[in-house]
Amino acid sequence: MQLSSIPGGLMVAAVAAVSFGTSGALVKPMLEAGWSPTAAVTARAMTAGLVLLPLALYSLRGRWAALWRGRWRVLGMGMVGVACTQLAYFAALQTIPVSTALLIEFLAPLLLVAFVWVTTQRMPRRTVLLGSALAVAGLALVIGPGAIRAVDPVGVLFAFGAAVACAVFFVVAARPAEGLPPIALAAFGLLVGGVALGLLGVTRLLPFTASFADLSLLGAVTPWWVPLLALAVISTAIAYAAGITAAGVLGSRLASFVGLLEVIFASLFAWLLLGELLTPLQLFGGLLILGGIAAVGEERVELAAKSRVPDEPEQHEASAAGESTVATSAR
């Protein structure tokens, strides 16, 4: 199986979803120990960028022209895909419940479907519409039916902004590489996003506090840097590199729907690592999400059967992606 094939792309996208899904369980001890969300995500992005940097430099092998050609992708990934997604998400949490913010943010794949519908003036295939409906229903069950409620409109606006930014992540990731390796885009994008978040923190535009005391992780007392390193390597470096690679293979829309698996894995990790209850409704919701991904993916499989080269419009489509555990899993 080649990485450039649809099955290979789906496997890499699943790796990204698993990795992103661990972030809630890993960052929760840091937040409970006194880290502010801004400090935690800044440290997460900067550390992950530095971890990936040697691999990124090796992948470039001195081809700095490719990095210069991809400078707008790097800026878009860092400023929007990393920084704006985090800022909008946490701003939404100030006035609306976590479950509601997550439900809105993870509607990003539907924004892609609507965007392509409007810009091309072509109605999506029935399988895409069916997959969208199944995915939304599954999301509501996994995150919790209580997420649908009357809430503050400003918080809803911020959550919608997070959904747009999350969609931009997949759009930028799926654009033609022009010689820029996915791991380089991930590394430099994370560094740009980390610097932007850090500037907002150190200038006190956002609360920025960190604790360097020992904290509890999985029932054991560990130094503060242990969960941070795990968060940076597993939930960020691997997740972003795999997510960008998968989007380049699958196209932004299908990759964003597969990204919904993050919610399922976040709930599973909350159950396995934090002992939080996993209900039958959540399990059923997970099956609905899987059904939605399969329905949306059918169109991509048909296109691939007609041509071995992915259709260009697919590469340019726009896209995206347990209260306490998935609260901080936003990209």
Protein backbone atom coordinates (compact mmCIF):
# COMPACT_ATOMS: atom_id res chain seq x y z
CA MET A 1 0.00 0.00 0.00
CA GLN A 2 1.45 3.36 -1.05
CA LEU A 3 1.14 6.46 1.08
CA SER A 4 -0.16 8.33 -1.95
CA SER A 5 -3.11 5.92 -2.32
CA ILE A 6 -6.50 6.50 -0.75
CA PRO A 7 -6.13 3.58 1.73
CA GLY A 8 -2.70 4.89 2.69
CA GLY A 9 -4.09 8.41 3.12
CA LEU A 10 -6.93 7.10 5.27
CA MET A 11 -4.49 5.28 7.52
CA VAL A 12 -2.37 8.41 7.98
CA ALA A 13 -5.52 10.47 8.65
CA ALA A 14 -6.55 7.94 11.31
CA VAL A 15 -3.10 8.29 12.92
CA ALA A 16 -3.63 12.05 13.02
CA ALA A 17 -7.07 11.63 14.62
CA VAL A 18 -5.70 9.26 17.26
CA SER A 19 -2.85 11.65 18.03
CA PHE A 20 -5.09 14.72 18.23
CA GLY A 21 -7.49 12.72 20.41
CA THR A 22 -4.89 12.25 23.15
CA SER A 23 -4.47 15.99 23.73
CA GLY A 24 -7.37 16.36 26.15
CA ALA A 25 -6.14 13.62 28.49
CA LEU A 26 -2.57 14.94 28.39
CA VAL A 27 -3.25 18.64 28.82
CA LYS A 28 -5.88 18.27 31.55
CA PRO A 29 -3.30 17.67 34.33
CA MET A 30 -1.41 20.79 33.22
CA LEU A 31 -4.52 22.95 33.37
CA GLU A 32 -5.43 21.53 36.78
CA ALA A 33 -1.90 22.31 38.00
CA GLY A 34 -2.24 26.01 37.16
CA TRP A 35 -1.31 26.36 33.49
CA SER A 36 -3.47 28.85 31.61
CA PRO A 37 -4.84 27.63 28.25
CA THR A 38 -2.73 30.21 26.38
CA ALA A 39 0.48 29.12 28.11
CA ALA A 40 -0.31 25.45 27.55
CA VAL A 41 -1.03 25.75 23.82
CA THR A 42 1.96 28.07 23.31
CA ALA A 43 4.30 25.59 24.97
CA ARG A 44 2.64 22.78 23.04
CA ALA A 45 3.09 24.45 19.64
CA MET A 46 6.62 25.73 20.24
CA THR A 47 7.90 22.44 21.66
CA ALA A 48 6.32 20.43 18.85
CA GLY A 49 7.79 22.78 16.24
CA LEU A 50 11.25 22.40 17.73
CA VAL A 51 10.86 18.60 17.85
CA LEU A 52 9.97 18.55 14.14
CA LEU A 53 12.54 21.15 13.09
CA PRO A 54 15.53 18.76 12.57
CA LEU A 55 13.33 16.45 10.48
CA ALA A 56 11.99 19.43 8.54
CA LEU A 57 15.49 20.70 7.76
CA TYR A 58 16.55 17.23 6.65
CA SER A 59 13.51 16.90 4.39
CA LEU A 60 14.31 20.25 2.75
CA ARG A 61 18.00 19.38 2.22
CA GLY A 62 18.86 22.99 1.53
CA ARG A 63 15.95 23.60 -0.86
CA TRP A 64 15.14 26.96 0.69
CA ALA A 65 13.39 28.07 -2.48
CA ALA A 66 10.62 25.55 -1.72
CA LEU A 67 10.19 27.08 1.74
CA TRP A 68 10.03 30.56 0.22
CA ARG A 69 7.45 29.46 -2.37
CA GLY A 70 5.38 27.96 0.43
CA ARG A 71 5.72 30.94 2.77
CA TRP A 72 2.03 31.83 2.51
CA ARG A 73 1.04 28.26 3.32
CA VAL A 74 3.34 28.35 6.35
CA LEU A 75 1.87 31.66 7.51
CA GLY A 76 -1.67 30.43 6.91
CA MET A 77 -1.01 27.22 8.81
CA GLY A 78 0.63 29.03 11.72
CA MET A 79 -1.56 32.10 12.07
CA VAL A 80 -4.92 30.52 11.21
CA GLY A 81 -4.60 26.73 11.46
CA VAL A 82 -2.75 26.88 14.79
CA ALA A 83 -3.13 30.27 16.50
CA CYS A 84 -6.60 31.44 15.42
CA THR A 85 -8.17 28.04 15.99
CA GLN A 86 -6.89 27.97 19.57
CA LEU A 87 -7.78 31.60 20.32
CA ALA A 88 -11.30 31.40 18.90
CA TYR A 89 -11.99 28.11 20.66
CA PHE A 90 -10.88 29.27 24.09
CA ALA A 91 -12.66 32.60 23.62
CA ALA A 92 -15.86 30.66 22.94
CA LEU A 93 -15.38 28.69 26.16
CA GLN A 94 -15.60 31.92 28.14
CA THR A 95 -19.34 32.17 27.52
CA ILE A 96 -20.64 28.84 26.20
CA PRO A 97 -20.32 25.21 27.39
CA VAL A 98 -17.47 23.03 26.14
CA SER A 99 -19.81 20.57 24.44
CA THR A 100 -21.53 23.34 22.48
CA ALA A 101 -18.21 24.87 21.39
CA LEU A 102 -16.94 21.48 20.23
CA LEU A 103 -20.11 20.68 18.32
CA ILE A 104 -19.89 23.98 16.44
CA GLU A 105 -16.16 23.71 15.78
CA PHE A 106 -16.41 20.19 14.41
CA LEU A 107 -19.05 21.30 11.93
CA ALA A 108 -16.11 22.48 9.82
CA PRO A 109 -16.49 19.66 7.24
CA LEU A 110 -20.00 20.92 6.52
CA LEU A 111 -18.55 24.35 5.81
CA LEU A 112 -16.47 22.71 3.10
CA VAL A 113 -19.46 20.99 1.57
CA ALA A 114 -21.41 24.27 1.61
CA PHE A 115 -18.44 26.24 0.25
CA VAL A 116 -18.00 23.93 -2.75
CA TRP A 117 -21.77 23.89 -3.32
CA VAL A 118 -21.94 27.70 -3.44
CA THR A 119 -18.76 28.33 -5.43
CA THR A 120 -19.38 25.63 -8.05
CA GLN A 121 -23.19 25.93 -8.02
CA ARG A 122 -23.31 22.16 -8.17
CA MET A 123 -25.29 20.20 -5.62
CA PRO A 124 -23.12 17.62 -3.81
CA ARG A 125 -23.79 13.97 -4.46
CA ARG A 126 -26.38 12.26 -2.32
CA THR A 127 -23.69 10.19 -0.64
CA VAL A 128 -21.95 13.39 0.49
CA LEU A 129 -25.19 14.83 1.87
CA LEU A 130 -25.98 11.54 3.60
CA GLY A 131 -22.48 11.36 5.05
CA SER A 132 -22.79 14.92 6.34
CA ALA A 133 -26.09 14.14 8.07
CA LEU A 134 -24.72 10.97 9.65
CA ALA A 135 -21.57 12.76 10.84
CA VAL A 136 -23.51 15.60 12.48
CA ALA A 137 -25.87 13.17 14.22
CA GLY A 138 -22.90 11.11 15.41
CA LEU A 139 -21.11 14.21 16.69
CA ALA A 140 -24.14 15.26 18.70
CA LEU A 141 -24.30 11.83 20.35
CA VAL A 142 -20.57 11.50 21.05
CA ILE A 143 -20.15 15.01 22.41
CA GLY A 144 -23.52 14.87 24.17
CA PRO A 145 -27.09 15.80 23.21
CA GLY A 146 -26.88 18.56 25.84
CA ALA A 147 -24.58 20.47 23.48
CA ILE A 148 -27.65 21.67 21.59
CA ARG A 149 -29.03 24.46 23.74
CA ALA A 150 -29.67 28.21 23.85
CA VAL A 151 -26.31 29.91 24.47
CA ASP A 152 -24.60 33.29 24.29
CA PRO A 153 -24.45 34.48 20.65
CA VAL A 154 -20.96 35.95 21.07
CA GLY A 155 -19.64 32.58 22.23
CA VAL A 156 -21.34 30.91 19.26
CA LEU A 157 -19.66 33.43 16.95
CA PHE A 158 -16.23 32.60 18.39
CA ALA A 159 -16.92 28.86 18.08
CA PHE A 160 -17.93 29.37 14.46
CA GLY A 161 -14.68 31.26 13.96
CA ALA A 162 -12.84 28.22 15.33
CA ALA A 163 -14.71 26.04 12.82
CA VAL A 164 -13.65 28.32 9.96
CA ALA A 165 -10.03 28.32 11.16
CA CYS A 166 -10.10 24.54 11.52
CA ALA A 167 -11.38 24.31 7.95
CA VAL A 168 -8.54 26.54 6.79
CA PHE A 169 -6.11 24.05 8.34
CA PHE A 170 -7.29 21.39 5.90
CA VAL A 171 -7.46 23.81 2.97
CA VAL A 172 -3.87 24.91 3.47
CA ALA A 173 -2.72 21.34 4.07
CA ALA A 174 -4.38 20.07 0.88
CA ARG A 175 -2.98 22.71 -1.47
CA PRO A 176 -0.26 21.69 -3.96
CA ALA A 177 3.01 21.25 -2.10
CA GLU A 178 5.27 22.95 -4.69
CA GLY A 179 8.23 21.07 -3.24
CA LEU A 180 7.50 21.86 0.43
CA PRO A 181 7.46 18.58 2.42
CA PRO A 182 4.48 18.10 4.78
CA ILE A 183 6.77 17.80 7.80
CA ALA A 184 8.36 21.16 6.95
CA LEU A 185 4.95 22.81 6.68
CA ALA A 186 4.01 21.31 10.05
CA ALA A 187 7.23 22.35 11.78
CA PHE A 188 7.39 25.94 10.57
CA GLY A 189 3.63 26.40 10.88
CA LEU A 190 3.73 25.31 14.53
CA LEU A 191 6.66 27.63 15.25
CA VAL A 192 4.86 30.58 13.64
CA GLY A 193 1.67 29.80 15.55
CA GLY A 194 3.56 29.31 18.81
CA VAL A 195 5.33 32.66 18.46
CA ALA A 196 2.03 34.42 17.71
CA LEU A 197 0.34 32.87 20.75
CA GLY A 198 3.37 33.58 22.92
CA LEU A 199 3.35 37.27 21.97
CA LEU A 200 -0.29 37.54 22.98
CA GLY A 201 0.58 35.93 26.29
CA VAL A 202 3.70 37.86 27.24
CA THR A 203 2.03 41.17 26.35
CA ARG A 204 -0.77 40.18 28.74
CA LEU A 205 -3.45 40.44 26.10
CA LEU A 206 -4.42 36.95 27.27
CA PRO A 207 -3.87 35.25 30.65
CA PHE A 208 -0.47 33.55 30.57
CA THR A 209 0.53 31.49 33.61
CA ALA A 210 2.55 28.30 33.95
CA SER A 211 3.34 25.99 36.84
CA PHE A 212 6.60 24.06 37.11
CA ALA A 213 5.59 21.94 40.08
CA ASP A 214 5.19 18.18 39.85
CA LEU A 215 1.75 17.04 38.73
CA SER A 216 -0.31 13.89 38.53
CA LEU A 217 -0.46 11.97 35.24
CA LEU A 218 -2.23 8.62 34.93
CA GLY A 219 -2.12 8.12 38.69
CA ALA A 220 1.61 8.87 39.04
CA VAL A 221 3.41 12.03 40.12
CA THR A 222 5.66 13.30 37.33
CA PRO A 223 7.72 16.44 36.57
CA TRP A 224 5.80 19.14 34.68
CA TRP A 225 7.74 18.56 31.47
CA VAL A 226 6.62 14.93 31.10
CA PRO A 227 3.00 15.66 30.07
CA LEU A 228 4.19 18.68 28.08
CA LEU A 229 6.63 16.56 26.08
CA ALA A 230 4.00 13.87 25.50
CA LEU A 231 1.51 16.54 24.46
CA ALA A 232 4.02 18.13 22.10
CA VAL A 233 5.28 14.92 20.49
CA ILE A 234 2.17 12.72 20.36
CA SER A 235 -0.73 15.17 20.27
CA THR A 236 0.92 17.91 18.21
CA ALA A 237 4.06 16.99 16.22
CA ILE A 238 2.83 13.60 15.02
CA ALA A 239 -0.76 14.85 14.71
CA TYR A 240 0.02 17.89 12.56
CA ALA A 241 2.55 16.11 10.36
CA ALA A 242 0.15 13.21 9.77
CA GLY A 243 -2.86 15.49 9.28
CA ILE A 244 -1.08 17.62 6.66
CA THR A 245 0.20 14.52 4.86
CA ALA A 246 -3.27 12.95 4.80
CA ALA A 247 -4.94 16.11 3.50
CA GLY A 248 -2.48 16.23 0.62
CA VAL A 249 -3.49 12.71 -0.37
CA LEU A 250 -7.23 12.70 0.35
CA GLY A 251 -8.14 16.29 -0.40
CA SER A 252 -9.44 18.72 2.18
CA ARG A 253 -13.06 17.55 2.37
CA LEU A 254 -12.51 13.84 2.94
CA ALA A 255 -9.59 14.53 5.29
CA SER A 256 -11.78 16.82 7.38
CA PHE A 257 -14.47 14.16 7.73
CA VAL A 258 -11.89 11.56 8.77
CA GLY A 259 -10.68 14.17 11.27
CA LEU A 260 -13.99 13.75 13.09
CA LEU A 261 -12.57 10.50 14.42
CA GLU A 262 -10.67 12.73 16.84
CA VAL A 263 -13.84 13.12 18.89
CA ILE A 264 -14.26 9.35 19.09
CA PHE A 265 -10.67 8.73 20.12
CA ALA A 266 -10.78 11.58 22.65
CA SER A 267 -13.75 9.89 24.32
CA LEU A 268 -11.97 6.51 24.25
CA PHE A 269 -8.84 7.97 25.85
CA ALA A 270 -10.97 9.70 28.47
CA TRP A 271 -12.47 6.32 29.31
CA LEU A 272 -9.18 4.40 29.30
CA LEU A 273 -6.88 6.97 30.89
CA LEU A 274 -9.13 9.14 33.02
CA GLY A 275 -11.90 6.70 33.89
CA GLU A 276 -14.66 8.87 32.41
CA LEU A 277 -17.83 7.01 31.49
CA LEU A 278 -18.37 6.01 27.86
CA THR A 279 -22.11 5.62 27.25
CA PRO A 280 -23.91 3.43 24.69
CA LEU A 281 -25.16 6.60 22.99
CA GLN A 282 -21.58 7.73 22.48
CA LEU A 283 -20.67 4.36 20.99
CA PHE A 284 -23.64 4.56 18.63
CA GLY A 285 -22.62 8.10 17.71
CA GLY A 286 -19.16 6.82 16.85
CA LEU A 287 -20.70 4.31 14.46
CA LEU A 288 -22.70 7.09 12.80
CA ILE A 289 -19.53 9.14 12.30
CA LEU A 290 -17.83 6.13 10.72
CA GLY A 291 -20.83 5.71 8.42
CA GLY A 292 -20.65 9.37 7.46
CA ILE A 293 -16.94 9.11 6.63
CA ALA A 294 -17.60 6.03 4.50
CA ALA A 295 -20.38 7.78 2.58
CA VAL A 296 -18.29 10.90 1.88
CA GLY A 297 -15.29 8.77 0.96
CA GLU A 298 -17.25 6.88 -1.69
CA GLU A 299 -17.09 9.90 -4.01
CA ARG A 300 -13.31 10.11 -3.63
CA VAL A 301 -12.93 6.40 -4.41
CA GLU A 302 -15.00 6.78 -7.57
CA LEU A 303 -12.88 9.72 -8.71
CA ALA A 304 -9.70 7.77 -8.05
CA ALA A 305 -11.03 4.87 -10.09
CA LYS A 306 -11.49 7.17 -13.08
CA SER A 307 -8.03 8.69 -12.81
CA ARG A 308 -4.92 7.82 -10.86
CA VAL A 309 -4.13 11.54 -10.52
CA PRO A 310 -6.30 13.26 -7.86
CA ASP A 311 -8.65 15.83 -9.35
CA GLU A 312 -7.34 19.35 -8.88
CA PRO A 313 -10.59 20.75 -7.42
CA GLU A 314 -10.43 18.11 -4.70
CA GLN A 315 -7.03 19.41 -3.66
CA HIS A 316 -8.34 22.96 -3.39
CA GLU A 317 -11.60 22.36 -1.52
CA ALA A 318 -11.96 23.96 1.86
CA SER A 319 -12.28 21.80 5.24
CA ALA A 320 -11.83 20.70 8.98
CA ALA A 321 -12.40 18.79 11.65
CA GLY A 322 -16.46 13.98 27.35
CA GLU A 323 -16.47 17.63 28.05
CA SER A 324 -13.29 17.94 30.06
CA THR A 325 -11.14 15.62 27.98
CA VAL A 326 -11.84 16.95 24.52
CA ALA A 327 -12.11 20.54 25.72
CA THR A 328 -8.51 21.25 24.75
CA SER A 329 -8.18 18.95 21.78
CA ALA A 330 -8.90 21.73 19.30
CA ARG A 331 -6.15 22.31 16.79
